[in-house]
Amino acid sequence: MINQGVESPVRVRVIPRRQLLVIVVGMIALIGTAAYFSFSALAQVSDSNALSSSISSRLASEPDQVNTEGEVTLRVTWRGPEAGPVFDVAMDTHSVNLDPYDLSQMVVLHTNDGRESAVLKWDAAEGGHHRNGNLVFSDLALDGKPFVTADTRSIELVIYDLSGVSTRSFTWDLK
């Protein structure tokens, strides 16, 4: 038997205006939040890239360097010649008390041509197993001339006798 001419009513369900308004406002809020976080992330990447490119026009190597020898991990960051011989140092361990270490008494900073700079200060709060601070050297070499010049090809920071490791070396190449 063929059903010819039987019409079935189409049911259309209408969403009440109040529910529709809640759905629309929710969607707008969701889209707005997504847009905000997208633009925030882009701005941070842009700021980070601007900072990285402004760190130094002469710095050829990465500003951050890490040494994981022994029981202490060291992360040293140099912001480049324009910032002067100032280094951010982070020391981390799970087995050694880092508070007794005075980096100002344990380091040498020199250029590829043998000029050295004197330590001015090691500015780091005590932290037990985690210690962060600034290691600041003079802008002048020990001979009284500028430490970093146009002829400087690299600088090396050497840290001696930190937690059983006799020498840790961090080298930054310049363009």
N, C-alpha and C. Protein backbone atom coordinates (compact mmCIF):
# COMPACT_ATOMS: atom_id res chain seq x y z
N MET A 1 0.82 -1.16 0.00
CA MET A 1 0.00 0.00 0.00
C MET A 1 0.88 1.25 0.00
N ILE A 2 0.61 2.13 -0.88
CA ILE A 2 1.38 3.36 -1.04
C ILE A 2 0.61 4.49 -0.39
N ASN A 3 1.34 5.25 0.36
CA ASN A 3 0.73 6.36 1.07
C ASN A 3 0.82 7.60 0.20
N GLN A 4 -0.25 7.93 -0.43
CA GLN A 4 -0.25 9.10 -1.31
C GLN A 4 -1.13 10.18 -0.70
N GLY A 5 -0.63 11.29 -0.59
CA GLY A 5 -1.45 12.40 -0.15
C GLY A 5 -1.61 12.53 1.35
N VAL A 6 -0.87 11.75 2.11
CA VAL A 6 -0.98 11.92 3.55
C VAL A 6 0.05 12.96 3.96
N GLU A 7 -0.41 13.98 4.55
CA GLU A 7 0.50 15.05 4.98
C GLU A 7 0.79 14.89 6.46
N SER A 8 2.06 15.00 6.79
CA SER A 8 2.40 14.97 8.21
C SER A 8 2.73 16.39 8.63
N PRO A 9 2.25 16.80 9.74
CA PRO A 9 2.51 18.16 10.17
C PRO A 9 3.99 18.32 10.58
N VAL A 10 4.62 19.37 10.18
CA VAL A 10 6.00 19.67 10.53
C VAL A 10 5.98 20.41 11.86
N ARG A 11 6.70 19.82 12.77
CA ARG A 11 6.75 20.47 14.08
C ARG A 11 7.96 21.39 14.15
N VAL A 12 7.73 22.59 14.43
CA VAL A 12 8.78 23.58 14.58
C VAL A 12 8.80 23.97 16.05
N ARG A 13 9.95 23.75 16.64
CA ARG A 13 10.07 24.11 18.05
C ARG A 13 10.72 25.47 18.13
N VAL A 14 10.08 26.38 18.74
CA VAL A 14 10.57 27.75 18.87
C VAL A 14 11.27 27.87 20.22
N ILE A 15 12.48 28.39 20.18
CA ILE A 15 13.24 28.61 21.41
C ILE A 15 12.72 29.90 22.03
N PRO A 16 12.37 29.84 23.29
CA PRO A 16 11.89 31.07 23.94
C PRO A 16 12.95 32.16 23.87
N ARG A 17 12.50 33.38 23.78
CA ARG A 17 13.40 34.52 23.62
C ARG A 17 14.43 34.61 24.75
N ARG A 18 14.03 34.33 25.94
CA ARG A 18 14.94 34.41 27.08
C ARG A 18 16.09 33.41 26.92
N GLN A 19 15.80 32.17 26.54
CA GLN A 19 16.84 31.17 26.32
C GLN A 19 17.73 31.55 25.15
N LEU A 20 17.12 32.06 24.09
CA LEU A 20 17.88 32.49 22.92
C LEU A 20 18.84 33.61 23.30
N LEU A 21 18.39 34.54 24.12
CA LEU A 21 19.24 35.65 24.56
C LEU A 21 20.42 35.13 25.38
N VAL A 22 20.17 34.17 26.27
CA VAL A 22 21.24 33.60 27.08
C VAL A 22 22.26 32.89 26.19
N ILE A 23 21.79 32.16 25.20
CA ILE A 23 22.69 31.45 24.28
C ILE A 23 23.54 32.45 23.50
N VAL A 24 22.93 33.49 22.97
CA VAL A 24 23.65 34.49 22.17
C VAL A 24 24.68 35.21 23.03
N VAL A 25 24.31 35.63 24.24
CA VAL A 25 25.25 36.31 25.12
C VAL A 25 26.41 35.38 25.49
N GLY A 26 26.11 34.12 25.74
CA GLY A 26 27.15 33.14 26.05
C GLY A 26 28.12 32.97 24.89
N MET A 27 27.60 32.88 23.68
CA MET A 27 28.46 32.74 22.50
C MET A 27 29.34 33.97 22.30
N ILE A 28 28.76 35.16 22.49
CA ILE A 28 29.55 36.40 22.35
C ILE A 28 30.66 36.43 23.40
N ALA A 29 30.33 36.05 24.63
CA ALA A 29 31.34 36.03 25.69
C ALA A 29 32.45 35.03 25.36
N LEU A 30 32.09 33.87 24.85
CA LEU A 30 33.06 32.85 24.49
C LEU A 30 33.97 33.33 23.37
N ILE A 31 33.40 33.92 22.35
CA ILE A 31 34.19 34.45 21.22
C ILE A 31 35.08 35.59 21.69
N GLY A 32 34.55 36.46 22.54
CA GLY A 32 35.34 37.58 23.06
C GLY A 32 36.52 37.11 23.90
N THR A 33 36.30 36.12 24.74
CA THR A 33 37.36 35.57 25.57
C THR A 33 38.45 34.93 24.70
N ALA A 34 38.03 34.17 23.71
CA ALA A 34 38.99 33.53 22.80
C ALA A 34 39.81 34.59 22.07
N ALA A 35 39.16 35.64 21.60
CA ALA A 35 39.87 36.71 20.89
C ALA A 35 40.85 37.41 21.82
N TYR A 36 40.42 37.68 23.05
CA TYR A 36 41.30 38.35 24.02
C TYR A 36 42.57 37.54 24.26
N PHE A 37 42.40 36.24 24.54
CA PHE A 37 43.57 35.41 24.81
C PHE A 37 44.45 35.25 23.58
N SER A 38 43.86 35.21 22.41
CA SER A 38 44.65 35.11 21.18
C SER A 38 45.50 36.36 20.99
N PHE A 39 44.90 37.53 21.17
CA PHE A 39 45.64 38.77 21.01
C PHE A 39 46.68 38.94 22.12
N SER A 40 46.36 38.50 23.33
CA SER A 40 47.33 38.57 24.43
C SER A 40 48.54 37.71 24.13
N ALA A 41 48.29 36.50 23.62
CA ALA A 41 49.39 35.60 23.29
C ALA A 41 50.25 36.19 22.17
N LEU A 42 49.61 36.77 21.18
CA LEU A 42 50.36 37.39 20.09
C LEU A 42 51.18 38.57 20.59
N ALA A 43 50.62 39.35 21.50
CA ALA A 43 51.35 40.49 22.04
C ALA A 43 52.56 40.03 22.84
N GLN A 44 52.40 38.95 23.62
CA GLN A 44 53.53 38.44 24.39
C GLN A 44 54.62 37.92 23.48
N VAL A 45 54.25 37.21 22.42
CA VAL A 45 55.25 36.72 21.47
C VAL A 45 55.94 37.89 20.82
N SER A 46 55.17 38.91 20.44
CA SER A 46 55.74 40.09 19.81
C SER A 46 56.69 40.80 20.77
N ASP A 47 56.26 40.98 22.06
CA ASP A 47 57.12 41.62 23.04
C ASP A 47 58.38 40.79 23.27
N SER A 48 58.23 39.47 23.34
CA SER A 48 59.37 38.58 23.55
C SER A 48 60.35 38.68 22.38
N ASN A 49 59.82 38.70 21.16
CA ASN A 49 60.68 38.83 19.99
C ASN A 49 61.37 40.18 19.98
N ALA A 50 60.64 41.23 20.36
CA ALA A 50 61.25 42.56 20.41
C ALA A 50 62.35 42.59 21.45
N LEU A 51 62.12 41.97 22.62
CA LEU A 51 63.14 41.92 23.66
C LEU A 51 64.34 41.13 23.19
N SER A 52 64.09 39.97 22.56
CA SER A 52 65.20 39.14 22.08
C SER A 52 66.02 39.89 21.05
N SER A 53 65.35 40.60 20.14
CA SER A 53 66.11 41.30 19.11
C SER A 53 66.78 42.54 19.68
N SER A 54 66.23 43.11 20.77
CA SER A 54 66.85 44.28 21.35
C SER A 54 67.91 43.92 22.39
N ILE A 55 67.98 42.63 22.77
CA ILE A 55 68.97 42.23 23.77
C ILE A 55 70.34 42.69 23.32
N SER A 56 70.67 42.42 22.10
CA SER A 56 71.94 42.92 21.60
C SER A 56 72.01 42.72 20.11
N SER A 57 72.36 43.78 19.44
CA SER A 57 72.56 43.65 18.01
C SER A 57 73.90 42.97 17.73
N ARG A 58 74.77 42.91 18.73
CA ARG A 58 76.09 42.30 18.55
C ARG A 58 76.17 40.89 19.09
N LEU A 59 75.18 40.42 19.83
CA LEU A 59 75.25 39.11 20.44
C LEU A 59 74.92 38.03 19.42
N ALA A 60 75.90 37.17 19.12
CA ALA A 60 75.71 36.13 18.11
C ALA A 60 75.22 34.83 18.71
N SER A 61 75.47 34.60 19.99
CA SER A 61 75.02 33.37 20.64
C SER A 61 73.80 33.66 21.50
N GLU A 62 73.18 32.60 21.98
CA GLU A 62 71.99 32.75 22.82
C GLU A 62 72.36 33.47 24.12
N PRO A 63 71.48 34.35 24.59
CA PRO A 63 71.79 35.04 25.85
C PRO A 63 71.73 34.11 27.06
N ASP A 64 70.89 33.07 27.01
CA ASP A 64 70.75 32.11 28.12
C ASP A 64 71.67 30.92 27.89
N GLN A 65 72.41 30.54 28.92
CA GLN A 65 73.23 29.34 28.87
C GLN A 65 73.05 28.56 30.16
N VAL A 66 73.09 27.23 30.05
CA VAL A 66 72.84 26.36 31.19
C VAL A 66 73.99 25.38 31.35
N ASN A 67 74.37 25.15 32.62
CA ASN A 67 75.36 24.13 32.96
C ASN A 67 74.72 23.22 34.00
N THR A 68 74.72 21.92 33.71
CA THR A 68 74.06 20.94 34.59
C THR A 68 75.05 19.98 35.25
N GLU A 69 76.32 20.34 35.28
CA GLU A 69 77.31 19.46 35.91
C GLU A 69 77.09 19.39 37.42
N GLY A 70 77.43 18.25 37.99
CA GLY A 70 77.36 18.10 39.43
C GLY A 70 75.93 18.16 39.95
N GLU A 71 75.80 18.58 41.19
CA GLU A 71 74.50 18.61 41.86
C GLU A 71 73.76 19.93 41.69
N VAL A 72 74.41 20.93 41.08
CA VAL A 72 73.80 22.26 40.95
C VAL A 72 73.66 22.61 39.47
N THR A 73 72.46 23.02 39.09
CA THR A 73 72.22 23.51 37.74
C THR A 73 72.34 25.03 37.76
N LEU A 74 73.13 25.56 36.83
CA LEU A 74 73.31 27.01 36.71
C LEU A 74 72.73 27.48 35.38
N ARG A 75 71.92 28.54 35.44
CA ARG A 75 71.43 29.21 34.23
C ARG A 75 71.94 30.64 34.31
N VAL A 76 72.74 31.02 33.30
CA VAL A 76 73.32 32.36 33.27
C VAL A 76 72.82 33.07 32.02
N THR A 77 72.34 34.29 32.20
CA THR A 77 71.82 35.09 31.09
C THR A 77 72.59 36.40 31.01
N TRP A 78 73.11 36.68 29.81
CA TRP A 78 73.75 37.97 29.56
C TRP A 78 72.88 38.73 28.59
N ARG A 79 72.58 39.96 28.92
CA ARG A 79 71.71 40.77 28.06
C ARG A 79 72.48 41.45 26.94
N GLY A 80 73.75 41.23 26.88
CA GLY A 80 74.54 41.72 25.76
C GLY A 80 75.37 42.94 26.09
N PRO A 81 76.22 43.33 25.14
CA PRO A 81 77.16 44.44 25.36
C PRO A 81 76.47 45.75 25.72
N GLU A 82 75.29 46.01 25.16
CA GLU A 82 74.60 47.26 25.44
C GLU A 82 74.20 47.37 26.90
N ALA A 83 73.94 46.24 27.55
CA ALA A 83 73.56 46.23 28.97
C ALA A 83 74.78 46.23 29.88
N GLY A 84 75.95 45.99 29.30
CA GLY A 84 77.16 45.93 30.10
C GLY A 84 77.37 44.53 30.65
N PRO A 85 78.42 44.35 31.41
CA PRO A 85 78.73 43.02 31.97
C PRO A 85 77.89 42.71 33.22
N VAL A 86 76.60 42.50 32.98
CA VAL A 86 75.65 42.18 34.04
C VAL A 86 74.99 40.86 33.66
N PHE A 87 74.98 39.93 34.60
CA PHE A 87 74.48 38.58 34.33
C PHE A 87 73.41 38.21 35.35
N ASP A 88 72.33 37.63 34.85
CA ASP A 88 71.31 37.05 35.72
C ASP A 88 71.71 35.59 35.94
N VAL A 89 71.81 35.19 37.19
CA VAL A 89 72.25 33.84 37.52
C VAL A 89 71.17 33.15 38.36
N ALA A 90 70.80 31.95 37.95
CA ALA A 90 69.87 31.12 38.71
C ALA A 90 70.57 29.82 39.05
N MET A 91 70.58 29.48 40.34
CA MET A 91 71.18 28.23 40.80
C MET A 91 70.08 27.36 41.40
N ASP A 92 70.03 26.10 40.98
CA ASP A 92 69.01 25.18 41.47
C ASP A 92 69.63 23.83 41.81
N THR A 93 69.14 23.24 42.90
CA THR A 93 69.59 21.93 43.33
C THR A 93 68.54 21.33 44.25
N HIS A 94 68.67 20.05 44.51
CA HIS A 94 67.80 19.40 45.48
C HIS A 94 68.61 18.79 46.61
N SER A 95 69.94 19.03 46.59
CA SER A 95 70.77 18.35 47.57
C SER A 95 71.80 19.23 48.27
N VAL A 96 71.98 20.45 47.84
CA VAL A 96 73.04 21.30 48.40
C VAL A 96 72.44 22.61 48.87
N ASN A 97 72.91 23.12 50.02
CA ASN A 97 72.51 24.45 50.46
C ASN A 97 73.35 25.46 49.69
N LEU A 98 72.72 26.31 48.90
CA LEU A 98 73.43 27.25 48.04
C LEU A 98 73.78 28.56 48.74
N ASP A 99 73.25 28.80 49.92
CA ASP A 99 73.45 30.07 50.60
C ASP A 99 74.92 30.41 50.89
N PRO A 100 75.78 29.44 51.23
CA PRO A 100 77.17 29.80 51.54
C PRO A 100 78.00 30.24 50.32
N TYR A 101 77.51 29.98 49.13
CA TYR A 101 78.31 30.30 47.94
C TYR A 101 78.21 31.79 47.60
N ASP A 102 79.37 32.46 47.60
CA ASP A 102 79.46 33.86 47.22
C ASP A 102 80.12 33.92 45.84
N LEU A 103 79.30 34.03 44.81
CA LEU A 103 79.84 33.99 43.44
C LEU A 103 80.84 35.10 43.17
N SER A 104 80.75 36.22 43.89
CA SER A 104 81.70 37.31 43.64
C SER A 104 83.14 36.88 43.96
N GLN A 105 83.29 35.83 44.77
CA GLN A 105 84.63 35.33 45.12
C GLN A 105 85.04 34.12 44.28
N MET A 106 84.17 33.70 43.35
CA MET A 106 84.39 32.44 42.63
C MET A 106 84.41 32.59 41.11
N VAL A 107 84.44 33.82 40.59
CA VAL A 107 84.29 34.02 39.15
C VAL A 107 85.41 34.85 38.54
N VAL A 108 85.56 34.64 37.24
CA VAL A 108 86.45 35.47 36.42
C VAL A 108 85.68 35.75 35.14
N LEU A 109 85.74 36.99 34.68
CA LEU A 109 85.13 37.38 33.41
C LEU A 109 86.23 37.95 32.53
N HIS A 110 86.39 37.36 31.34
CA HIS A 110 87.43 37.86 30.45
C HIS A 110 86.96 37.82 29.00
N THR A 111 87.66 38.58 28.16
CA THR A 111 87.35 38.63 26.73
C THR A 111 88.28 37.68 25.99
N ASN A 112 88.01 37.50 24.69
CA ASN A 112 88.84 36.63 23.87
C ASN A 112 90.27 37.10 23.78
N ASP A 113 90.51 38.41 23.97
CA ASP A 113 91.89 38.91 23.89
C ASP A 113 92.54 39.06 25.26
N GLY A 114 91.94 38.44 26.30
CA GLY A 114 92.59 38.35 27.59
C GLY A 114 92.28 39.45 28.59
N ARG A 115 91.46 40.45 28.22
CA ARG A 115 91.13 41.50 29.19
C ARG A 115 90.16 40.95 30.22
N GLU A 116 90.35 41.33 31.48
CA GLU A 116 89.47 40.88 32.56
C GLU A 116 88.75 42.08 33.18
N SER A 117 87.60 41.78 33.79
CA SER A 117 86.82 42.80 34.48
C SER A 117 86.65 42.38 35.93
N ALA A 118 86.61 43.35 36.82
CA ALA A 118 86.46 43.08 38.25
C ALA A 118 84.98 42.94 38.62
N VAL A 119 84.71 42.04 39.55
CA VAL A 119 83.35 41.87 40.07
C VAL A 119 83.01 43.07 40.95
N LEU A 120 81.83 43.65 40.70
CA LEU A 120 81.36 44.73 41.57
C LEU A 120 80.44 44.21 42.66
N LYS A 121 79.56 43.25 42.30
CA LYS A 121 78.69 42.70 43.33
C LYS A 121 77.99 41.43 42.86
N TRP A 122 77.66 40.62 43.83
CA TRP A 122 76.79 39.44 43.63
C TRP A 122 75.57 39.74 44.49
N ASP A 123 74.46 40.04 43.83
CA ASP A 123 73.25 40.46 44.51
C ASP A 123 72.23 39.33 44.43
N ALA A 124 72.21 38.49 45.48
CA ALA A 124 71.28 37.36 45.49
C ALA A 124 70.82 37.10 46.92
N ALA A 125 69.52 37.00 47.07
CA ALA A 125 68.97 36.66 48.39
C ALA A 125 69.23 35.19 48.67
N GLU A 126 69.30 34.86 49.95
CA GLU A 126 69.46 33.46 50.32
C GLU A 126 68.20 32.70 49.92
N GLY A 127 68.37 31.45 49.53
CA GLY A 127 67.22 30.69 49.07
C GLY A 127 67.33 29.19 49.30
N GLY A 128 68.40 28.77 49.98
CA GLY A 128 68.55 27.34 50.24
C GLY A 128 68.91 26.57 48.98
N HIS A 129 67.93 25.90 48.40
CA HIS A 129 68.17 25.08 47.20
C HIS A 129 67.94 25.83 45.89
N HIS A 130 67.40 27.03 45.97
CA HIS A 130 67.12 27.82 44.76
C HIS A 130 67.56 29.25 45.04
N ARG A 131 68.46 29.72 44.21
CA ARG A 131 69.00 31.06 44.44
C ARG A 131 69.11 31.80 43.13
N ASN A 132 68.60 33.02 43.09
CA ASN A 132 68.64 33.86 41.89
C ASN A 132 69.26 35.20 42.24
N GLY A 133 70.04 35.72 41.31
CA GLY A 133 70.62 37.03 41.57
C GLY A 133 71.32 37.60 40.37
N ASN A 134 71.90 38.78 40.57
CA ASN A 134 72.64 39.47 39.53
C ASN A 134 74.12 39.48 39.88
N LEU A 135 74.91 39.13 38.90
CA LEU A 135 76.36 39.18 39.02
C LEU A 135 76.81 40.35 38.16
N VAL A 136 77.35 41.37 38.80
CA VAL A 136 77.67 42.63 38.12
C VAL A 136 79.17 42.84 38.10
N PHE A 137 79.70 43.14 36.92
CA PHE A 137 81.12 43.43 36.74
C PHE A 137 81.28 44.88 36.31
N SER A 138 82.49 45.36 36.39
CA SER A 138 82.81 46.72 35.97
C SER A 138 82.75 46.83 34.44
N ASP A 139 82.33 47.99 33.96
CA ASP A 139 82.35 48.26 32.51
C ASP A 139 83.77 48.43 31.99
N LEU A 140 84.70 48.60 32.91
CA LEU A 140 86.10 48.79 32.54
C LEU A 140 86.89 47.52 32.84
N ALA A 141 87.83 47.24 31.97
CA ALA A 141 88.75 46.13 32.20
C ALA A 141 89.72 46.54 33.31
N LEU A 142 90.48 45.57 33.80
CA LEU A 142 91.43 45.86 34.87
C LEU A 142 92.47 46.90 34.47
N ASP A 143 92.71 47.06 33.15
CA ASP A 143 93.67 48.06 32.68
C ASP A 143 93.05 49.44 32.56
N GLY A 144 91.77 49.60 32.93
CA GLY A 144 91.12 50.91 32.90
C GLY A 144 90.45 51.25 31.57
N LYS A 145 90.60 50.41 30.57
CA LYS A 145 89.97 50.64 29.27
C LYS A 145 88.61 49.94 29.24
N PRO A 146 87.73 50.29 28.28
CA PRO A 146 86.42 49.63 28.21
C PRO A 146 86.58 48.11 28.09
N PHE A 147 85.75 47.40 28.84
CA PHE A 147 85.84 45.94 28.85
C PHE A 147 85.43 45.35 27.51
N VAL A 148 84.28 45.75 26.97
CA VAL A 148 83.82 45.26 25.66
C VAL A 148 84.04 46.39 24.65
N THR A 149 84.79 46.07 23.60
CA THR A 149 85.07 47.05 22.54
C THR A 149 84.55 46.52 21.21
N ALA A 150 84.70 47.30 20.17
CA ALA A 150 84.28 46.87 18.84
C ALA A 150 85.08 45.66 18.36
N ASP A 151 86.27 45.47 18.91
CA ASP A 151 87.12 44.34 18.51
C ASP A 151 86.86 43.07 19.31
N THR A 152 86.05 43.16 20.34
CA THR A 152 85.78 41.99 21.19
C THR A 152 84.95 40.98 20.41
N ARG A 153 85.45 39.74 20.31
CA ARG A 153 84.74 38.68 19.59
C ARG A 153 83.95 37.77 20.51
N SER A 154 84.36 37.67 21.79
CA SER A 154 83.63 36.84 22.75
C SER A 154 84.00 37.23 24.16
N ILE A 155 83.11 36.88 25.09
CA ILE A 155 83.44 37.00 26.50
C ILE A 155 83.16 35.65 27.15
N GLU A 156 83.89 35.37 28.20
CA GLU A 156 83.73 34.10 28.91
C GLU A 156 83.61 34.38 30.41
N LEU A 157 82.59 33.79 31.01
CA LEU A 157 82.40 33.83 32.45
C LEU A 157 82.77 32.45 32.98
N VAL A 158 83.72 32.41 33.91
CA VAL A 158 84.15 31.14 34.49
C VAL A 158 83.83 31.16 35.97
N ILE A 159 83.15 30.11 36.43
CA ILE A 159 82.81 29.96 37.83
C ILE A 159 83.61 28.77 38.37
N TYR A 160 84.35 29.01 39.45
CA TYR A 160 85.23 27.99 40.01
C TYR A 160 84.65 27.37 41.29
N ASP A 161 84.87 26.07 41.43
CA ASP A 161 84.62 25.33 42.67
C ASP A 161 83.22 25.49 43.24
N LEU A 162 82.23 25.28 42.41
CA LEU A 162 80.84 25.32 42.88
C LEU A 162 80.34 23.90 43.05
N SER A 163 80.15 23.49 44.27
CA SER A 163 79.58 22.19 44.62
C SER A 163 80.30 21.02 43.94
N GLY A 164 81.62 21.00 44.08
CA GLY A 164 82.39 19.87 43.59
C GLY A 164 82.76 19.92 42.12
N VAL A 165 82.32 20.93 41.39
CA VAL A 165 82.71 21.08 39.98
C VAL A 165 83.77 22.17 39.93
N SER A 166 84.96 21.79 39.46
CA SER A 166 86.09 22.73 39.53
C SER A 166 85.93 23.94 38.63
N THR A 167 85.38 23.76 37.42
CA THR A 167 85.26 24.87 36.49
C THR A 167 83.98 24.74 35.67
N ARG A 168 83.23 25.83 35.62
CA ARG A 168 82.07 25.92 34.73
C ARG A 168 82.27 27.15 33.88
N SER A 169 82.14 26.98 32.57
CA SER A 169 82.44 28.05 31.65
C SER A 169 81.20 28.40 30.81
N PHE A 170 80.96 29.70 30.67
CA PHE A 170 79.87 30.22 29.85
C PHE A 170 80.48 31.23 28.88
N THR A 171 80.30 30.99 27.57
CA THR A 171 80.92 31.85 26.56
C THR A 171 79.85 32.43 25.65
N TRP A 172 79.95 33.75 25.41
CA TRP A 172 79.04 34.42 24.49
C TRP A 172 79.85 34.98 23.33
N ASP A 173 79.45 34.61 22.13
CA ASP A 173 80.10 35.10 20.92
C ASP A 173 79.42 36.37 20.45
N LEU A 174 80.23 37.30 19.96
CA LEU A 174 79.72 38.56 19.43
C LEU A 174 79.88 38.57 17.93
N LYS A 175 79.04 39.34 17.27
CA LYS A 175 79.10 39.45 15.81
C LYS A 175 80.24 40.34 15.40
